Amino acid sequence: MDVIKLTRALVDIESITGHEKEVALFLETQLRPLAERYGGTLELLEVEPDRFNVFASWGQPVVTLSTHMDTVPPFFPSSEDDEFVWGRGACDAKGVIASMICALEGLLHEGTRNVALLLVVGEERNSAGALHAARNPRGSRYLINGEPTGNKLARGSKGALRYEIEARGRMAHSAYPHLGESAILKLLDVLEELRRLPLPSDPVLGPCTMNIGTITGGRAPNVIPDFARAEVFFRLVDDGAAIRSAVTSAAQGRAEAREVLCVPAVRLRALEGFETDVVAFTTDIPAFGGAWGEPLLFGPGSILVAHTNEERVPKQQLIDATTLYQRMVRQLLNS
């Protein structure tokens, strides 16, 4: 297979989270010949109605290559120039899928067995596919998770802690503010306290960071607001216990803080001969919970252009990733 052409074909199939069926069916057609030619098995595993993980294996899996099929919105199709393949999902993570499939094709041709490929839904929202796979393991000892790391093995990735913070008040005419109770002022007090938090730092993962992503509330400029809401996102470098306690304390008596997501930070192994890095984003690895083996994190592309209108992946990194995935699988099988 041609890794550049396969990347473009995958990018051109819209697969925003929740709409992965078409790309899963396309991947089934691409993997079926490899399964038949080299004595493997291929399955579509239903996660939810019309949403399927794709699983292919050759022998009893020892090493499983895995990444996600879904993308963030909005969809835009592929294009290419001399250096890059462009389009939604080019680096996150359809170029990864293409590199993994091409790597497997080469490994199978040389006689390698005990390898598998697991492509999951829902990573960009709630890891639904990885959580389903974690409940249905296949005995794999190593999981190579694919995300854009610039073809470096990640020694760790930050976790994620997300809150919805909602304050309630009482409406009144703005000329008589003493008759009302401003929900916006309550919310601002909570957010200001969170901004002053001393956030932890880790010698490997670096500092924890906080983002106030959205703020909504109020009725009109001349009405004391009776509701206000914010979404807050922490990038964790630990299990998040201290920050969770601080958020609860800051909201006490002023607002309700609802925890939407908590994914702890993870530390990962390195392999001899591979460059390493640390990434600030969160992956499916915590959702797998070790059920598919010891995790590693590696893939072509830069996270800095993922989720943007400039999303792209270097062609050379796609080609190099194919060879590097093969090297990684061989090392793990020989260990």
Foldseek 3Di string as FASTA:
>chain_A
DQLLVQLQVLLQDAAAFPRQLVSLVVVCVVCVVVCVVLVKDWDWDDLDVSFTKIKIFFPQAAEEEEEESHFHDDWDHWDDDPWWIDTTCSVRPSLQVSLVVLLVVVCSVVPDHNYMYIYFGDWVHDLSRLLVCLVPFRPYAEYEYEHAPAQFWEQWEWKKWKKKKKFFKAKDFLVCCVVIGALVVLVVQLVVQLVPDPFDADPAQGTKDKDFDDKDWDDDPGMRTGMIMTMMMIGHPAQCPVVVVSSCVSCPPGIDIDIDDGAHMDGADHDPPGHYGHYHDDGSVVSSVQSNHGYIYGYFDDPVCHPHNGDITTPVRSVVSSVVVNVVVVVSVVD
